[in-house]
Protein backbone atom coordinates (compact mmCIF):
# COMPACT_ATOMS: atom_id res chain seq x y z
CA UNK A 1 12.75 24.74 -26.60
CA UNK A 2 13.42 24.47 -22.90
CA UNK A 3 16.61 22.69 -21.86
CA UNK A 4 18.26 22.30 -18.49
CA UNK A 5 21.22 24.56 -17.65
CA UNK A 6 24.71 23.08 -18.05
CA UNK A 7 24.97 20.76 -15.06
CA UNK A 8 28.03 20.67 -12.83
CA UNK A 9 29.79 17.39 -12.00
CA UNK A 10 28.27 17.60 -8.52
CA UNK A 11 24.73 17.93 -9.93
CA UNK A 12 25.29 15.04 -12.34
CA UNK A 13 26.61 12.85 -9.53
CA UNK A 14 23.59 13.71 -7.34
CA UNK A 15 21.17 12.85 -10.17
CA UNK A 16 22.94 9.57 -10.91
CA UNK A 17 22.95 8.66 -7.20
CA UNK A 18 19.20 9.39 -6.93
CA UNK A 19 18.63 7.37 -10.12
CA UNK A 20 20.45 4.34 -8.65
CA UNK A 21 19.00 4.51 -5.15
CA UNK A 22 15.34 5.33 -5.68
CA UNK A 23 12.74 2.60 -5.90
CA UNK A 24 10.27 4.96 -7.58
CA UNK A 25 10.29 4.41 -11.35
CA UNK A 26 8.86 7.89 -12.01
CA UNK A 27 11.72 9.56 -10.12
CA UNK A 28 14.18 7.42 -12.09
CA UNK A 29 12.58 8.58 -15.37
CA UNK A 30 12.70 12.22 -14.23
CA UNK A 31 16.43 11.87 -13.52
CA UNK A 32 16.85 10.44 -17.02
CA UNK A 33 14.98 13.44 -18.46
CA UNK A 34 17.35 15.92 -16.80
CA UNK A 35 20.49 13.96 -17.68
CA UNK A 36 19.40 13.60 -21.32
CA UNK A 37 18.59 17.30 -21.48
CA UNK A 38 22.09 18.02 -20.17
CA UNK A 39 23.47 15.89 -23.04
CA UNK A 40 21.79 18.28 -25.47
CA UNK A 41 18.61 16.42 -26.41
CA UNK A 42 15.46 18.45 -26.92
CA UNK A 43 12.25 17.75 -24.94
CA UNK A 44 10.60 15.98 -27.93
CA UNK A 45 13.66 13.73 -28.34
CA UNK A 46 13.73 12.99 -24.60
CA UNK A 47 9.97 12.29 -24.62
CA UNK A 48 10.46 9.71 -27.34
CA UNK A 49 13.23 7.97 -25.37
CA UNK A 50 11.60 7.92 -21.92
CA UNK A 51 8.06 7.38 -23.27
CA UNK A 52 6.50 10.39 -21.59
CA UNK A 53 4.80 13.31 -23.29
CA UNK A 54 6.68 16.39 -24.44
CA UNK A 55 4.72 18.46 -21.89
CA UNK A 56 5.75 16.17 -19.04
CA UNK A 57 9.42 16.40 -20.00
CA UNK A 58 9.21 20.21 -20.23
CA UNK A 59 7.40 20.38 -16.86
CA UNK A 60 10.11 18.37 -15.06
CA UNK A 61 12.92 20.33 -16.68
CA UNK A 62 11.24 23.54 -15.45
CA UNK A 63 10.72 22.04 -11.97
CA UNK A 64 14.37 20.98 -11.81
CA UNK A 65 15.45 24.47 -12.85
CA UNK A 66 13.35 26.13 -10.14
CA UNK A 67 13.54 23.57 -7.28
CA UNK A 68 16.61 21.49 -7.99
CA UNK A 69 16.60 17.78 -7.25
CA UNK A 70 13.62 18.21 -4.89
CA UNK A 71 11.50 19.09 -7.93
CA UNK A 72 11.91 15.53 -9.22
CA UNK A 73 10.55 13.86 -6.09
CA UNK A 74 6.85 12.99 -5.76
CA UNK A 75 4.67 15.59 -4.10
CA UNK A 76 1.91 14.83 -1.62
CA UNK A 77 -1.45 14.43 -3.31
CA UNK A 78 -4.69 15.83 -2.07
CA UNK A 79 -7.54 13.57 -1.15
CA UNK A 80 -10.05 12.70 1.48
CA UNK A 81 -8.51 12.28 4.93
CA UNK A 82 -8.44 8.82 6.47
CA UNK A 83 -11.64 7.79 8.17
CA UNK A 84 -9.99 5.24 10.43
CA UNK A 85 -8.01 6.41 13.44
CA UNK A 86 -5.24 4.58 15.25
CA UNK A 87 -7.68 3.98 18.12
CA UNK A 88 -10.15 2.33 15.72
CA UNK A 89 -7.48 -0.01 14.38
CA UNK A 90 -6.29 -0.86 17.90
CA UNK A 91 -9.87 -1.64 18.97
CA UNK A 92 -10.42 -3.75 15.84
CA UNK A 93 -7.34 -5.85 16.57
CA UNK A 94 -8.26 -6.14 20.24
CA UNK A 95 -11.81 -7.29 19.43
CA UNK A 96 -10.84 -9.81 16.77
CA UNK A 97 -8.34 -11.41 19.16
CA UNK A 98 -11.13 -12.12 21.68
CA UNK A 99 -13.95 -14.61 21.57
CA UNK A 100 -17.19 -12.79 20.64
CA UNK A 101 -19.12 -14.32 23.54
CA UNK A 102 -16.54 -12.97 26.01
CA UNK A 103 -17.48 -9.43 24.97
CA UNK A 104 -21.22 -10.07 25.15
CA UNK A 105 -21.96 -11.05 21.55
CA UNK A 106 -24.58 -13.73 20.77
CA UNK A 107 -22.35 -15.63 18.33
CA UNK A 108 -19.18 -17.72 18.52
CA UNK A 109 -17.09 -16.46 15.60
CA UNK A 110 -16.28 -12.99 14.31
CA UNK A 111 -17.13 -12.06 10.76
CA UNK A 112 -16.42 -8.73 9.15
CA UNK A 113 -20.19 -8.25 8.89
CA UNK A 114 -20.37 -8.58 12.71
CA UNK A 115 -17.27 -6.51 13.41
CA UNK A 116 -18.25 -3.48 11.31
CA UNK A 117 -21.45 -2.55 13.21
CA UNK A 118 -19.89 -3.37 16.60
CA UNK A 119 -16.97 -1.06 15.90
CA UNK A 120 -19.33 1.62 14.57
CA UNK A 121 -21.29 1.41 17.82
CA UNK A 122 -18.11 1.73 19.91
CA UNK A 123 -16.24 4.36 17.87
CA UNK A 124 -18.82 6.18 15.75
CA UNK A 125 -16.81 5.36 12.61
CA UNK A 126 -18.90 3.46 10.07
CA UNK A 127 -17.11 1.18 7.64
CA UNK A 128 -18.33 -1.54 5.34
CA UNK A 129 -17.50 -5.17 6.05
CA UNK A 130 -15.12 -5.09 3.09
CA UNK A 131 -13.24 -2.10 4.51
CA UNK A 132 -12.91 -3.88 7.87
CA UNK A 133 -11.59 -6.92 5.98
CA UNK A 134 -8.97 -4.74 4.29
CA UNK A 135 -7.77 -3.39 7.64
CA UNK A 136 -7.58 -6.92 9.00
CA UNK A 137 -5.55 -8.06 5.97
CA UNK A 138 -3.19 -5.11 6.41
CA UNK A 139 -2.57 -6.35 9.96
CA UNK A 140 -2.09 -10.00 8.92
CA UNK A 141 -5.51 -11.20 10.09
CA UNK A 142 -7.92 -13.28 8.05
CA UNK A 143 -11.31 -14.43 9.27
CA UNK A 144 -12.31 -17.81 7.95
CA UNK A 145 -15.47 -19.86 8.14
CA UNK A 146 -15.28 -22.26 11.08
CA UNK A 147 -14.82 -25.94 10.31
CA UNK A 148 -17.16 -28.08 12.37
CA UNK A 149 -16.00 -31.58 13.28
CA UNK A 150 -16.93 -34.34 15.65
CA UNK A 151 -13.34 -35.49 15.91
CA UNK A 152 -13.22 -34.79 19.64
CA UNK A 153 -16.09 -37.27 20.14
CA UNK A 154 -14.52 -40.10 18.13
CA UNK A 155 -12.91 -43.20 19.61
CA UNK A 156 -9.29 -42.80 18.44
CA UNK A 157 -8.54 -46.53 18.66
CA UNK A 158 -11.52 -47.39 16.44
CA UNK A 159 -10.52 -44.73 13.89
CA UNK A 160 -6.94 -46.02 13.82
CA UNK A 161 -8.17 -49.58 13.37
CA UNK A 162 -10.42 -48.64 10.44
CA UNK A 163 -7.60 -46.77 8.70
CA UNK A 164 -5.26 -49.76 8.87
CA UNK A 165 -7.85 -52.33 7.71
CA UNK A 166 -8.79 -51.85 4.04
């Protein structure tokens, strides 16, 4: 069974430091795997303690042996590249900060359903209204339904009088 080589005091200190300082729980578990292997536990015993599979424990021991402490850190994952550019986000935030009528729109309040096609027209990047909403949330914006009132047309003295008289 695969075990880690006998670790030096310097290697142990580096693993313990990474274990204490990382916020990534997986990296912390990987450090535990290497330290437990150094204590003489076999991969199946380590797997039982850290609640990972035997194959996972063996894989990280092998990665530590070949790459050192860098082998325990997360690797970049493949995936579709981002659709939204920095320019798109900047334009989104610029538009939402303005009144729609001031930029030639026939309505008074932005909705994500209105923003998505307008931004697609201007940038060529098509997103759903929900995706636009997510970008707004990430930038601390939230579009809400307008509340219509006639408060500005009320006689304040009359309102005050009615509130005081039961």
